[in-house]
Every structure is written in structure tokens, then in C-alpha cells.
């Protein structure tokens, strides 16, 4: 009887801990519309079959959510010769809200040297990814963790980038549409705040 009770308590605690951890993740995208997002620039954003889609040129779509210390994750797919990014601690530039965000960019591009997995600051590759693990027109998972000046990226569960930088401390998540003719797709976008 004692063993059964102990086993029950252990299983209950395990399930409760798992549910508590799952509740920490909050959705950035409802899969239905652009509620909670703000568009800047020429890119056209829509929702198709539960996927956030950006097409048509340079522009960014920002979440209403702003974070300092956090983890974020999402699934992304970019078209052939596409260039995009999953921004964090990002804000529209005060002198041109349609310009490149002031903040960090988790690069999404498979056709240049500073490829998917690199950390970029406005116009500048900064934190080098160890390898390219993604391909055009294929879904992949991006996972970002930023605490203070310490930033880490995982691609499909593999740690590919570690960098320390303290220039940008807080801001929004955003996704970039970069060049005409390309398409960026995103889904299953979540974040959780950290201390």
C-alpha cells in the first residue's frame, strides 16, 4: 500500500510539474488573424491555414509583446533565395518606423555566408552559427534564449550559436519580409518570460 501511494505521489508530481512548465509558454500567434501584431513596411502579411505568411517586399511585423529576458520558439519556412529573420528585443526606428528594427535578429536565410542560425544586429552579422542545418522550402524550429547579455540559438534542437552582447535590452518580437518574390511562413510561435 505504501509503495502504491508513493508511486501515485511521484506520478502526480511529475504530471503537475509538466503542466506547470507548459503553462509558462504563451502564444504569440493565434493562427486565425493578425490580432496582436503591427505591420510596418511594404511586406504584405496574411494568415493562411493557420500559418503567418509574409510576401511582397521589405517590411516587418511586430508583436505587441515586449520582453527582456525570455525564451522564444517557433516553426519557420522561407522560399528559395528568401531572406528573413525572427527579431527579438526589437523596436521600430524612431526616424523611420518602416526601416530595419533596432534590436537583434535570428537570421533566416540559406543562400548567404551569414546564414540561418547567425545573430545579426542592424545590417551586421554578429554571432556566428556553427553550421547550416536548414534548407529552403522546409520547416525548421528556431529556439532562442536571452538572459541579460547572454544569447543562445537552437535550430531543430541543436545549439548553433552563443553570443554575449548588451546593446539591446528590451523590445518586441518581429518577423522580417526582405525581398520581392520571397515568402516567409511562421507558425507555433511561443515565448516565456524569464527572471
C-alpha atoms as a PDB file:
ATOM      1  CA  UNK A   1       0.000   0.000   0.000  1.00  0.00           C
ATOM      2  CA  UNK A   2       2.831   2.359   0.890  1.00  0.00           C
ATOM      3  CA  UNK A   3       4.577   1.662  -2.412  1.00  0.00           C
ATOM      4  CA  UNK A   4       1.392   2.382  -4.380  1.00  0.00           C
ATOM      5  CA  UNK A   5       0.836   5.641  -2.505  1.00  0.00           C
ATOM      6  CA  UNK A   6       4.439   6.722  -3.093  1.00  0.00           C
ATOM      7  CA  UNK A   7       4.173   5.805  -6.765  1.00  0.00           C
ATOM      8  CA  UNK A   8       0.919   7.773  -7.065  1.00  0.00           C
ATOM      9  CA  UNK A   9       2.502  10.843  -5.425  1.00  0.00           C
ATOM     10  CA  UNK A  10       5.548  10.672  -7.727  1.00  0.00           C
ATOM     11  CA  UNK A  11       3.395  10.345 -10.863  1.00  0.00           C
ATOM     12  CA  UNK A  12       1.116  13.185  -9.731  1.00  0.00           C
ATOM     13  CA  UNK A  13       4.087  15.476  -9.019  1.00  0.00           C
ATOM     14  CA  UNK A  14       5.616  14.643 -12.414  1.00  0.00           C
ATOM     15  CA  UNK A  15       2.378  15.414 -14.263  1.00  0.00           C
ATOM     16  CA  UNK A  16       1.801  18.607 -12.265  1.00  0.00           C
ATOM     17  CA  UNK A  17       5.351  19.808 -12.935  1.00  0.00           C
ATOM     18  CA  UNK A  18       4.879  19.131 -16.669  1.00  0.00           C
ATOM     19  CA  UNK A  19       1.604  21.071 -16.747  1.00  0.00           C
ATOM     20  CA  UNK A  20       3.157  23.976 -14.805  1.00  0.00           C
ATOM     21  CA  UNK A  21       6.053  24.109 -17.295  1.00  0.00           C
ATOM     22  CA  UNK A  22       3.663  24.044 -20.275  1.00  0.00           C
ATOM     23  CA  UNK A  23       1.633  26.894 -18.809  1.00  0.00           C
ATOM     24  CA  UNK A  24       4.686  29.160 -18.788  1.00  0.00           C
ATOM     25  CA  UNK A  25       4.773  29.197 -22.605  1.00  0.00           C
ATOM     26  CA  UNK A  26       2.458  31.855 -24.060  1.00  0.00           C
ATOM     27  CA  UNK A  27       1.302  32.048 -27.661  1.00  0.00           C
ATOM     28  CA  UNK A  28       2.408  34.936 -29.902  1.00  0.00           C
ATOM     29  CA  UNK A  29       0.122  33.970 -32.776  1.00  0.00           C
ATOM     30  CA  UNK A  30      -3.480  32.770 -32.622  1.00  0.00           C
ATOM     31  CA  UNK A  31      -3.373  31.012 -36.022  1.00  0.00           C
ATOM     32  CA  UNK A  32      -6.506  32.864 -37.221  1.00  0.00           C
ATOM     33  CA  UNK A  33      -5.697  36.530 -37.821  1.00  0.00           C
ATOM     34  CA  UNK A  34      -3.153  39.300 -37.182  1.00  0.00           C
ATOM     35  CA  UNK A  35      -4.562  40.297 -33.789  1.00  0.00           C
ATOM     36  CA  UNK A  36      -1.664  41.287 -31.531  1.00  0.00           C
ATOM     37  CA  UNK A  37       0.626  42.224 -34.447  1.00  0.00           C
ATOM     38  CA  UNK A  38       1.538  45.552 -36.070  1.00  0.00           C
ATOM     39  CA  UNK A  39       2.746  45.829 -39.679  1.00  0.00           C
ATOM     40  CA  UNK A  40       5.415  48.276 -40.907  1.00  0.00           C
ATOM     41  CA  UNK A  41       6.868  48.488 -44.413  1.00  0.00           C
ATOM     42  CA  UNK A  42       5.870  47.076 -47.796  1.00  0.00           C
ATOM     43  CA  UNK A  43       5.613  43.361 -46.997  1.00  0.00           C
ATOM     44  CA  UNK A  44       2.054  42.012 -47.073  1.00  0.00           C
ATOM     45  CA  UNK A  45       1.109  39.766 -44.150  1.00  0.00           C
ATOM     46  CA  UNK A  46      -1.761  37.284 -44.009  1.00  0.00           C
ATOM     47  CA  UNK A  47      -2.887  34.114 -42.283  1.00  0.00           C
ATOM     48  CA  UNK A  48      -3.403  31.007 -44.441  1.00  0.00           C
ATOM     49  CA  UNK A  49      -4.364  27.619 -42.983  1.00  0.00           C
ATOM     50  CA  UNK A  50      -3.080  28.602 -39.531  1.00  0.00           C
ATOM     51  CA  UNK A  51       0.239  29.937 -40.858  1.00  0.00           C
ATOM     52  CA  UNK A  52       1.502  33.545 -40.704  1.00  0.00           C
ATOM     53  CA  UNK A  53       2.689  34.453 -44.226  1.00  0.00           C
ATOM     54  CA  UNK A  54       4.779  37.427 -45.354  1.00  0.00           C
ATOM     55  CA  UNK A  55       5.272  38.301 -49.045  1.00  0.00           C
ATOM     56  CA  UNK A  56       5.874  41.198 -51.392  1.00  0.00           C
ATOM     57  CA  UNK A  57       8.974  43.045 -50.282  1.00  0.00           C
ATOM     58  CA  UNK A  58      10.725  44.736 -47.388  1.00  0.00           C
ATOM     59  CA  UNK A  59       8.796  45.068 -44.155  1.00  0.00           C
ATOM     60  CA  UNK A  60       8.366  43.787 -40.629  1.00  0.00           C
ATOM     61  CA  UNK A  61       5.506  42.586 -38.491  1.00  0.00           C
ATOM     62  CA  UNK A  62       5.871  43.222 -34.737  1.00  0.00           C
ATOM     63  CA  UNK A  63       4.092  41.518 -31.867  1.00  0.00           C
ATOM     64  CA  UNK A  64       2.516  43.636 -29.167  1.00  0.00           C
ATOM     65  CA  UNK A  65       4.570  41.563 -26.708  1.00  0.00           C
ATOM     66  CA  UNK A  66       7.826  43.054 -25.447  1.00  0.00           C
ATOM     67  CA  UNK A  67      10.369  41.110 -23.391  1.00  0.00           C
ATOM     68  CA  UNK A  68      13.743  41.483 -21.723  1.00  0.00           C
ATOM     69  CA  UNK A  69      14.732  38.004 -20.505  1.00  0.00           C
ATOM     70  CA  UNK A  70      12.904  35.169 -22.263  1.00  0.00           C
ATOM     71  CA  UNK A  71      12.822  32.008 -24.304  1.00  0.00           C
ATOM     72  CA  UNK A  72      11.009  32.008 -27.643  1.00  0.00           C
ATOM     73  CA  UNK A  73      10.378  29.301 -30.205  1.00  0.00           C
ATOM     74  CA  UNK A  74       8.608  28.841 -33.498  1.00  0.00           C
ATOM     75  CA  UNK A  75       8.476  26.955 -36.766  1.00  0.00           C
ATOM     76  CA  UNK A  76       9.653  28.791 -39.896  1.00  0.00           C
ATOM     77  CA  UNK A  77       9.902  28.172 -43.627  1.00  0.00           C
ATOM     78  CA  UNK A  78      11.427  30.504 -46.226  1.00  0.00           C
ATOM     79  CA  UNK A  79      11.172  30.252 -50.000  1.00  0.00           C
ATOM     80  CA  UNK A  80      14.081  29.763 -52.390  1.00  0.00           C
ATOM     81  CA  UNK A  81      16.546  32.667 -52.193  1.00  0.00           C
ATOM     82  CA  UNK A  82      14.433  34.187 -49.426  1.00  0.00           C
ATOM     83  CA  UNK A  83      15.841  36.299 -46.633  1.00  0.00           C
ATOM     84  CA  UNK A  84      14.073  36.840 -43.331  1.00  0.00           C
ATOM     85  CA  UNK A  85      14.638  36.951 -39.615  1.00  0.00           C
ATOM     86  CA  UNK A  86      12.975  36.358 -36.254  1.00  0.00           C
ATOM     87  CA  UNK A  87      13.705  39.527 -34.300  1.00  0.00           C
ATOM     88  CA  UNK A  88      13.731  39.993 -30.536  1.00  0.00           C
ATOM     89  CA  UNK A  89      14.306  42.923 -28.177  1.00  0.00           C
ATOM     90  CA  UNK A  90      13.408  44.897 -31.297  1.00  0.00           C
ATOM     91  CA  UNK A  91      11.749  48.284 -31.796  1.00  0.00           C
ATOM     92  CA  UNK A  92      10.883  50.248 -34.943  1.00  0.00           C
ATOM     93  CA  UNK A  93      13.462  53.019 -35.530  1.00  0.00           C
ATOM     94  CA  UNK A  94      12.091  56.362 -34.344  1.00  0.00           C
ATOM     95  CA  UNK A  95      13.195  58.199 -37.504  1.00  0.00           C
ATOM     96  CA  UNK A  96      11.640  55.641 -39.907  1.00  0.00           C
ATOM     97  CA  UNK A  97       9.175  53.096 -38.487  1.00  0.00           C
ATOM     98  CA  UNK A  98       9.300  51.183 -41.790  1.00  0.00           C
ATOM     99  CA  UNK A  99      13.079  50.708 -41.513  1.00  0.00           C
ATOM    100  CA  UNK A 100      15.067  47.847 -40.036  1.00  0.00           C
ATOM    101  CA  UNK A 101      14.229  47.189 -36.385  1.00  0.00           C
ATOM    102  CA  UNK A 102      16.647  48.306 -33.710  1.00  0.00           C
ATOM    103  CA  UNK A 103      17.308  45.027 -31.963  1.00  0.00           C
ATOM    104  CA  UNK A 104      18.604  41.504 -32.523  1.00  0.00           C
ATOM    105  CA  UNK A 105      17.778  39.260 -35.471  1.00  0.00           C
ATOM    106  CA  UNK A 106      17.896  35.476 -35.545  1.00  0.00           C
ATOM    107  CA  UNK A 107      18.762  35.153 -39.226  1.00  0.00           C
ATOM    108  CA  UNK A 108      16.647  33.089 -41.632  1.00  0.00           C
ATOM    109  CA  UNK A 109      18.459  32.756 -44.960  1.00  0.00           C
ATOM    110  CA  UNK A 110      20.092  29.746 -46.592  1.00  0.00           C
ATOM    111  CA  UNK A 111      21.810  31.441 -49.532  1.00  0.00           C
ATOM    112  CA  UNK A 112      24.496  33.627 -47.945  1.00  0.00           C
ATOM    113  CA  UNK A 113      27.539  33.190 -45.721  1.00  0.00           C
ATOM    114  CA  UNK A 114      25.878  34.575 -42.557  1.00  0.00           C
ATOM    115  CA  UNK A 115      23.053  32.030 -42.794  1.00  0.00           C
ATOM    116  CA  UNK A 116      20.187  30.758 -40.643  1.00  0.00           C
ATOM    117  CA  UNK A 117      21.388  30.464 -37.055  1.00  0.00           C
ATOM    118  CA  UNK A 118      23.558  33.583 -37.108  1.00  0.00           C
ATOM    119  CA  UNK A 119      22.811  36.510 -34.786  1.00  0.00           C
ATOM    120  CA  UNK A 120      22.550  39.816 -36.631  1.00  0.00           C
ATOM    121  CA  UNK A 121      22.438  43.394 -35.401  1.00  0.00           C
ATOM    122  CA  UNK A 122      21.064  46.008 -37.828  1.00  0.00           C
ATOM    123  CA  UNK A 123      22.811  45.240 -41.133  1.00  0.00           C
ATOM    124  CA  UNK A 124      25.676  43.367 -39.477  1.00  0.00           C
ATOM    125  CA  UNK A 125      26.297  39.638 -38.879  1.00  0.00           C
ATOM    126  CA  UNK A 126      27.470  39.409 -35.280  1.00  0.00           C
ATOM    127  CA  UNK A 127      27.235  35.972 -33.648  1.00  0.00           C
ATOM    128  CA  UNK A 128      28.419  33.112 -35.879  1.00  0.00           C
ATOM    129  CA  UNK A 129      26.395  29.906 -36.211  1.00  0.00           C
ATOM    130  CA  UNK A 130      28.397  26.691 -36.046  1.00  0.00           C
ATOM    131  CA  UNK A 131      26.657  25.127 -39.064  1.00  0.00           C
ATOM    132  CA  UNK A 132      23.790  25.460 -41.536  1.00  0.00           C
ATOM    133  CA  UNK A 133      21.077  22.922 -40.646  1.00  0.00           C
ATOM    134  CA  UNK A 134      18.169  24.242 -42.735  1.00  0.00           C
ATOM    135  CA  UNK A 135      17.040  24.342 -46.369  1.00  0.00           C
ATOM    136  CA  UNK A 136      14.747  26.496 -48.492  1.00  0.00           C
ATOM    137  CA  UNK A 137      11.085  25.457 -48.512  1.00  0.00           C
ATOM    138  CA  UNK A 138      11.452  23.197 -45.450  1.00  0.00           C
ATOM    139  CA  UNK A 139      10.037  23.806 -41.966  1.00  0.00           C
ATOM    140  CA  UNK A 140      12.514  24.116 -39.103  1.00  0.00           C
ATOM    141  CA  UNK A 141      12.311  25.061 -35.433  1.00  0.00           C
ATOM    142  CA  UNK A 142      14.081  28.137 -34.061  1.00  0.00           C
ATOM    143  CA  UNK A 143      14.562  28.361 -30.299  1.00  0.00           C
ATOM    144  CA  UNK A 144      16.047  31.497 -28.746  1.00  0.00           C
ATOM    145  CA  UNK A 145      17.086  32.168 -25.161  1.00  0.00           C
ATOM    146  CA  UNK A 146      18.213  35.612 -23.999  1.00  0.00           C
ATOM    147  CA  UNK A 147      19.108  36.396 -20.391  1.00  0.00           C
ATOM    148  CA  UNK A 148      20.910  39.667 -19.782  1.00  0.00           C
ATOM    149  CA  UNK A 149      23.701  39.867 -22.340  1.00  0.00           C
ATOM    150  CA  UNK A 150      23.837  36.086 -22.939  1.00  0.00           C
ATOM    151  CA  UNK A 151      22.086  34.924 -26.153  1.00  0.00           C
ATOM    152  CA  UNK A 152      21.695  31.356 -27.450  1.00  0.00           C
ATOM    153  CA  UNK A 153      20.067  29.891 -30.580  1.00  0.00           C
ATOM    154  CA  UNK A 154      18.997  26.313 -31.279  1.00  0.00           C
ATOM    155  CA  UNK A 155      17.944  25.005 -34.697  1.00  0.00           C
ATOM    156  CA  UNK A 156      15.860  21.814 -34.636  1.00  0.00           C
ATOM    157  CA  UNK A 157      17.027  21.207 -31.075  1.00  0.00           C
ATOM    158  CA  UNK A 158      20.758  21.681 -31.754  1.00  0.00           C
ATOM    159  CA  UNK A 159      22.659  24.570 -30.142  1.00  0.00           C
ATOM    160  CA  UNK A 160      24.255  26.534 -33.010  1.00  0.00           C
ATOM    161  CA  UNK A 161      25.044  29.997 -31.655  1.00  0.00           C
ATOM    162  CA  UNK A 162      26.184  31.541 -28.348  1.00  0.00           C
ATOM    163  CA  UNK A 163      26.996  35.234 -28.082  1.00  0.00           C
ATOM    164  CA  UNK A 164      27.249  37.902 -25.386  1.00  0.00           C
ATOM    165  CA  UNK A 165      26.085  41.425 -26.228  1.00  0.00           C
ATOM    166  CA  UNK A 166      24.357  44.119 -24.187  1.00  0.00           C
ATOM    167  CA  UNK A 167      23.352  46.727 -26.781  1.00  0.00           C
ATOM    168  CA  UNK A 168      19.620  45.917 -26.847  1.00  0.00           C
ATOM    169  CA  UNK A 169      17.912  45.131 -23.550  1.00  0.00           C
ATOM    170  CA  UNK A 170      14.172  45.050 -24.222  1.00  0.00           C
ATOM    171  CA  UNK A 171      11.740  45.148 -27.106  1.00  0.00           C
ATOM    172  CA  UNK A 172       9.301  43.254 -29.280  1.00  0.00           C
ATOM    173  CA  UNK A 173       9.413  40.080 -31.314  1.00  0.00           C
ATOM    174  CA  UNK A 174       9.160  40.694 -35.068  1.00  0.00           C
ATOM    175  CA  UNK A 175       9.422  38.809 -38.355  1.00  0.00           C
ATOM    176  CA  UNK A 176      11.003  40.210 -41.498  1.00  0.00           C
ATOM    177  CA  UNK A 177       9.937  40.149 -45.116  1.00  0.00           C
ATOM    178  CA  UNK A 178      13.059  41.126 -47.050  1.00  0.00           C
ATOM    179  CA  UNK A 179      12.923  40.987 -50.837  1.00  0.00           C
ATOM    180  CA  UNK A 180      10.226  40.956 -53.541  1.00  0.00           C
ATOM    181  CA  UNK A 181       9.331  37.479 -54.760  1.00  0.00           C
ATOM    182  CA  UNK A 182      10.137  35.718 -51.495  1.00  0.00           C
ATOM    183  CA  UNK A 183       7.814  34.214 -48.905  1.00  0.00           C
ATOM    184  CA  UNK A 184       8.339  33.678 -45.179  1.00  0.00           C
ATOM    185  CA  UNK A 185       5.997  31.419 -43.210  1.00  0.00           C
ATOM    186  CA  UNK A 186       5.741  31.022 -39.432  1.00  0.00           C
ATOM    187  CA  UNK A 187       3.612  29.007 -37.020  1.00  0.00           C
ATOM    188  CA  UNK A 188       3.607  27.642 -33.473  1.00  0.00           C
ATOM    189  CA  UNK A 189       5.137  30.863 -32.104  1.00  0.00           C
ATOM    190  CA  UNK A 190       5.554  30.876 -28.320  1.00  0.00           C
ATOM    191  CA  UNK A 191       7.525  32.697 -25.633  1.00  0.00           C
ATOM    192  CA  UNK A 192       8.005  32.621 -21.896  1.00  0.00           C
ATOM    193  CA  UNK A 193       9.480  35.334 -19.717  1.00  0.00           C
ATOM    194  CA  UNK A 194      12.451  34.521 -17.524  1.00  0.00           C
ATOM    195  CA  UNK A 195      13.886  36.254 -14.487  1.00  0.00           C
END
